Protein backbone atom coordinates (compact mmCIF):
# COMPACT_ATOMS: atom_id res chain seq x y z
CA MET A 1 -0.51 0.20 0.24
CA ARG A 2 1.30 3.58 -1.15
CA ARG A 3 0.91 5.67 1.90
CA ASN A 4 0.33 10.29 1.33
CA THR A 5 3.07 12.29 3.28
CA LEU A 6 0.55 13.13 6.42
CA SER A 7 2.70 11.46 8.10
CA ARG A 8 5.93 13.27 7.32
CA LEU A 9 3.96 16.08 7.09
CA LEU A 10 2.78 16.39 10.42
CA ALA A 11 6.09 15.35 11.61
CA THR A 12 7.63 18.43 9.65
CA ARG A 13 4.95 20.45 12.02
CA GLY A 14 5.54 18.64 14.88
CA TRP A 15 1.67 17.73 15.07
CA THR A 16 -0.27 13.81 16.24
CA ASP A 17 -2.42 12.73 14.59
CA GLY A 18 -4.60 14.07 17.59
CA GLU A 19 -3.67 17.90 17.17
CA LEU A 20 -4.66 17.41 13.22
CA ALA A 21 -8.16 16.26 13.79
CA SER A 22 -8.69 19.19 16.71
CA ARG A 23 -7.81 21.42 14.04
CA VAL A 24 -9.71 20.25 10.86
CA ALA A 25 -12.82 18.50 13.73
CA LEU A 26 -12.72 15.42 12.53
CA ASP A 27 -11.74 12.30 15.17
CA ARG A 28 -8.52 11.40 15.75
CA ALA A 29 -9.16 7.47 14.32
CA HIS A 30 -10.22 8.33 11.29
CA VAL A 31 -6.98 10.76 10.77
CA ASN A 32 -4.65 8.08 11.50
CA GLN A 33 -7.03 6.29 8.68
CA LEU A 34 -6.04 9.16 6.67
CA LYS A 35 -2.36 9.26 7.06
CA ASN A 36 -1.99 5.24 7.33
CA GLY A 37 -3.59 5.07 3.70
CA ARG A 38 -6.85 2.74 4.76
CA ALA A 39 -9.56 5.91 4.27
CA LEU A 40 -10.19 7.72 2.08
CA PRO A 41 -10.57 11.09 2.26
CA THR A 42 -14.00 13.54 0.87
CA VAL A 43 -13.03 16.79 -0.73
CA ALA A 44 -13.83 18.84 1.63
CA THR A 45 -12.10 16.41 3.83
CA ALA A 46 -8.96 17.48 1.79
CA LEU A 47 -9.17 20.85 1.32
CA VAL A 48 -9.63 21.13 5.03
CA ILE A 49 -5.81 19.01 5.81
CA ALA A 50 -4.07 20.91 2.86
CA ASP A 51 -5.65 24.23 4.25
CA ALA A 52 -4.62 23.40 7.37
CA LEU A 53 -1.17 22.24 6.61
CA GLY A 54 -0.50 24.83 4.46
CA VAL A 55 0.00 22.90 1.31
CA ALA A 56 -1.75 22.59 -1.45
CA VAL A 57 -4.21 19.08 -1.62
CA ASP A 58 -1.64 17.40 -4.37
CA ALA A 59 1.17 17.66 -1.35
CA VAL A 60 -1.01 16.07 0.86
CA PHE A 61 -2.80 13.35 -0.98
CA PRO A 62 -0.77 12.70 -4.64
CA PRO A 63 -2.74 11.14 -7.45
CA GLY A 64 -3.05 7.18 -6.13
CA SER A 65 -0.94 7.74 -2.83
CA VAL A 66 -4.69 6.17 -0.84
CA VAL A 67 -5.51 2.50 -1.79
CA ARG A 68 -8.64 0.86 -0.48
CA ARG A 69 -7.48 -2.58 0.54
CA ARG A 70 -10.69 -4.84 -0.30
CA ARG A 71 -11.41 -7.21 2.74
CA PRO A 72 -11.28 -11.28 2.55
CA ARG A 73 -13.78 -12.60 2.27
C-alpha cells in the first residue's frame, strides 16, 4: 500500500494525529486512517486538511497515494 505524505507533514510541524484532528474537526482515529492510507478522504476533508497544513491538496494526497484495500471474504 502506498502512503500519502500526511505522516511526513505532521512530523515536520511536530503535530500529532490528535492535534490535526482538533484543528480540522475530525476524529483522531479517522486522521490516523487517512495518514495510513486505510481511508479515502472526501474532497472537502482533503481541502480542509491541506488548508490547515498550509499546502496544496496534492502535496498531502498525491494522485494514487491512497489505496483502498478489499477485505477478504
